[in-house]
Amino acid sequence: MALAVVGGGAWYVGKDNAESDGGKSEAESLQAAQAQVEKKYDLPQVGDCVRFLDSSEDAMTATVDCASAEAEYKTSERYTGANAKCRSHFDNSFHLVADRGVDVTVCFTKV
């Protein structure tokens, strides 16, 4: 069985949301950028069940009830950082590369 990787393993976020940091520290700016990405792409949290969406949509997954027939995968792990990778025992994953230093890797197991 082949492992599927959404979008070739990377999604890219444009710089359309770039704005001044308003004097925030680097950590505060990164945290604000992370929150912006979380909201825009509706990233699943560990334990959430999801179904994958068409790649033309902003969100990559939709959170669904784990008991639902729509549930395809369960979110098992999430990592932040450019070098984060899912281990080989996961069934699916995606890596979101965004501007302003936000990189998120999400790992899934089949439901």
C-alpha atoms as a PDB file:
ATOM      1  CA  MET A   1       0.000   0.000   0.000  1.00  0.00           C
ATOM      2  CA  ALA A   2       1.457   3.330  -1.035  1.00  0.00           C
ATOM      3  CA  LEU A   3       1.434   6.285   1.294  1.00  0.00           C
ATOM      4  CA  ALA A   4      -0.328   9.377   0.029  1.00  0.00           C
ATOM      5  CA  VAL A   5       1.254  12.759   0.590  1.00  0.00           C
ATOM      6  CA  VAL A   6      -1.024  15.716   0.069  1.00  0.00           C
ATOM      7  CA  GLY A   7       0.267  18.284  -2.394  1.00  0.00           C
ATOM      8  CA  GLY A   8       3.590  16.537  -2.782  1.00  0.00           C
ATOM      9  CA  GLY A   9       4.210  17.128   0.908  1.00  0.00           C
ATOM     10  CA  ALA A  10       4.096  20.919   0.822  1.00  0.00           C
ATOM     11  CA  TRP A  11       1.544  23.672   0.718  1.00  0.00           C
ATOM     12  CA  TYR A  12       2.636  27.237   0.212  1.00  0.00           C
ATOM     13  CA  VAL A  13       0.988  30.281   1.682  1.00  0.00           C
ATOM     14  CA  GLY A  14       1.336  33.559  -0.200  1.00  0.00           C
ATOM     15  CA  LYS A  15       2.529  36.763   1.370  1.00  0.00           C
ATOM     16  CA  ASP A  16      -0.858  38.442   0.970  1.00  0.00           C
ATOM     17  CA  ASN A  17      -1.191  38.653   4.750  1.00  0.00           C
ATOM     18  CA  ALA A  18       2.173  40.321   5.336  1.00  0.00           C
ATOM     19  CA  GLU A  19       1.846  43.254   7.664  1.00  0.00           C
ATOM     20  CA  SER A  20       4.009  45.247  10.017  1.00  0.00           C
ATOM     21  CA  ASP A  21       4.827  43.498  13.254  1.00  0.00           C
ATOM     22  CA  GLY A  22       3.904  46.614  15.256  1.00  0.00           C
ATOM     23  CA  GLY A  23       7.025  46.416  17.449  1.00  0.00           C
ATOM     24  CA  LYS A  24       6.377  42.857  18.651  1.00  0.00           C
ATOM     25  CA  SER A  25       9.200  40.588  19.687  1.00  0.00           C
ATOM     26  CA  GLU A  26      10.236  37.849  17.267  1.00  0.00           C
ATOM     27  CA  ALA A  27       8.499  35.212  19.426  1.00  0.00           C
ATOM     28  CA  GLU A  28       5.293  37.264  19.562  1.00  0.00           C
ATOM     29  CA  SER A  29       5.385  37.816  15.796  1.00  0.00           C
ATOM     30  CA  LEU A  30       5.875  34.095  15.163  1.00  0.00           C
ATOM     31  CA  GLN A  31       3.037  33.241  17.548  1.00  0.00           C
ATOM     32  CA  ALA A  32       0.732  35.729  15.796  1.00  0.00           C
ATOM     33  CA  ALA A  33       1.702  34.321  12.381  1.00  0.00           C
ATOM     34  CA  GLN A  34       1.064  30.770  13.648  1.00  0.00           C
ATOM     35  CA  ALA A  35      -2.408  31.795  14.860  1.00  0.00           C
ATOM     36  CA  GLN A  36      -3.139  33.395  11.475  1.00  0.00           C
ATOM     37  CA  VAL A  37      -2.147  30.202   9.639  1.00  0.00           C
ATOM     38  CA  GLU A  38      -4.142  28.020  12.069  1.00  0.00           C
ATOM     39  CA  LYS A  39      -7.256  30.110  11.443  1.00  0.00           C
ATOM     40  CA  LYS A  40      -6.878  30.446   7.660  1.00  0.00           C
ATOM     41  CA  TYR A  41      -6.158  26.771   7.025  1.00  0.00           C
ATOM     42  CA  ASP A  42      -8.262  25.302   9.845  1.00  0.00           C
ATOM     43  CA  LEU A  43      -5.439  22.955  10.824  1.00  0.00           C
ATOM     44  CA  PRO A  44      -6.543  19.865  12.773  1.00  0.00           C
ATOM     45  CA  GLN A  45      -5.433  19.285  16.350  1.00  0.00           C
ATOM     46  CA  VAL A  46      -4.064  15.983  17.661  1.00  0.00           C
ATOM     47  CA  GLY A  47      -7.025  13.625  18.171  1.00  0.00           C
ATOM     48  CA  ASP A  48      -9.209  15.249  15.489  1.00  0.00           C
ATOM     49  CA  CYS A  49     -10.577  13.030  12.735  1.00  0.00           C
ATOM     50  CA  VAL A  50     -10.467  14.488   9.238  1.00  0.00           C
ATOM     51  CA  ARG A  51     -11.280  13.996   5.611  1.00  0.00           C
ATOM     52  CA  PHE A  52      -9.010  15.456   2.954  1.00  0.00           C
ATOM     53  CA  LEU A  53     -10.401  18.210   0.740  1.00  0.00           C
ATOM     54  CA  ASP A  54      -9.779  19.106  -2.877  1.00  0.00           C
ATOM     55  CA  SER A  55      -6.384  20.795  -3.120  1.00  0.00           C
ATOM     56  CA  SER A  56      -7.954  23.921  -4.647  1.00  0.00           C
ATOM     57  CA  GLU A  57      -9.511  24.870  -1.306  1.00  0.00           C
ATOM     58  CA  ASP A  58      -7.689  26.955   1.336  1.00  0.00           C
ATOM     59  CA  ALA A  59      -8.190  24.315   4.008  1.00  0.00           C
ATOM     60  CA  MET A  60      -6.465  20.986   3.404  1.00  0.00           C
ATOM     61  CA  THR A  61      -8.699  18.942   5.669  1.00  0.00           C
ATOM     62  CA  ALA A  62     -12.121  19.169   7.254  1.00  0.00           C
ATOM     63  CA  THR A  63     -12.565  18.055  10.840  1.00  0.00           C
ATOM     64  CA  VAL A  64     -15.324  15.449  11.130  1.00  0.00           C
ATOM     65  CA  ASP A  65     -16.799  13.266  13.865  1.00  0.00           C
ATOM     66  CA  CYS A  66     -14.593  10.200  14.345  1.00  0.00           C
ATOM     67  CA  ALA A  67     -17.681   7.960  14.266  1.00  0.00           C
ATOM     68  CA  SER A  68     -18.785   9.462  10.936  1.00  0.00           C
ATOM     69  CA  ALA A  69     -18.447   7.602   7.645  1.00  0.00           C
ATOM     70  CA  GLU A  70     -16.615  10.728   6.386  1.00  0.00           C
ATOM     71  CA  ALA A  71     -13.703  10.177   8.789  1.00  0.00           C
ATOM     72  CA  GLU A  72     -10.656   9.062   6.797  1.00  0.00           C
ATOM     73  CA  TYR A  73      -7.770   9.785   9.167  1.00  0.00           C
ATOM     74  CA  LYS A  74      -7.078  10.677  12.774  1.00  0.00           C
ATOM     75  CA  THR A  75      -4.560  13.407  13.545  1.00  0.00           C
ATOM     76  CA  SER A  76      -1.797  11.672  15.469  1.00  0.00           C
ATOM     77  CA  GLU A  77       1.030  14.183  15.741  1.00  0.00           C
ATOM     78  CA  ARG A  78       1.838  17.786  14.817  1.00  0.00           C
ATOM     79  CA  TYR A  79       5.218  19.415  14.589  1.00  0.00           C
ATOM     80  CA  THR A  80       6.296  23.001  14.107  1.00  0.00           C
ATOM     81  CA  GLY A  81       9.533  23.758  12.288  1.00  0.00           C
ATOM     82  CA  ALA A  82      11.064  23.603   8.848  1.00  0.00           C
ATOM     83  CA  ASN A  83      12.779  20.234   9.367  1.00  0.00           C
ATOM     84  CA  ALA A  84       9.882  18.371  10.975  1.00  0.00           C
ATOM     85  CA  LYS A  85       8.901  15.058   9.390  1.00  0.00           C
ATOM     86  CA  CYS A  86       6.397  12.350  10.180  1.00  0.00           C
ATOM     87  CA  ARG A  87       7.799   8.946  11.018  1.00  0.00           C
ATOM     88  CA  SER A  88       7.263   6.140   8.509  1.00  0.00           C
ATOM     89  CA  HIS A  89       4.476   4.366  10.425  1.00  0.00           C
ATOM     90  CA  PHE A  90       1.960   7.139   9.690  1.00  0.00           C
ATOM     91  CA  ASP A  91      -0.512   6.608   6.827  1.00  0.00           C
ATOM     92  CA  ASN A  92      -0.631  10.186   5.541  1.00  0.00           C
ATOM     93  CA  SER A  93       0.808  13.617   6.230  1.00  0.00           C
ATOM     94  CA  PHE A  94       1.132  17.157   4.984  1.00  0.00           C
ATOM     95  CA  HIS A  95       3.663  19.896   5.519  1.00  0.00           C
ATOM     96  CA  LEU A  96       2.482  23.502   5.395  1.00  0.00           C
ATOM     97  CA  VAL A  97       5.185  26.024   4.502  1.00  0.00           C
ATOM     98  CA  ALA A  98       4.058  29.574   5.159  1.00  0.00           C
ATOM     99  CA  ASP A  99       5.701  32.960   5.139  1.00  0.00           C
ATOM    100  CA  ARG A 100       6.869  34.661   8.323  1.00  0.00           C
ATOM    101  CA  GLY A 101       8.556  31.502   9.622  1.00  0.00           C
ATOM    102  CA  VAL A 102       5.521  29.261  10.074  1.00  0.00           C
ATOM    103  CA  ASP A 103       6.025  25.599   9.148  1.00  0.00           C
ATOM    104  CA  VAL A 104       3.619  22.910  10.367  1.00  0.00           C
ATOM    105  CA  THR A 105       3.751  19.163   9.728  1.00  0.00           C
ATOM    106  CA  VAL A 106       0.651  17.102  10.513  1.00  0.00           C
ATOM    107  CA  CYS A 107       0.758  13.277  10.708  1.00  0.00           C
ATOM    108  CA  PHE A 108      -2.268  11.009  10.313  1.00  0.00           C
ATOM    109  CA  THR A 109      -3.274   7.392  10.885  1.00  0.00           C
ATOM    110  CA  LYS A 110      -6.076   5.696   8.944  1.00  0.00           C
ATOM    111  CA  VAL A 111      -9.387   5.476  10.866  1.00  0.00           C
END
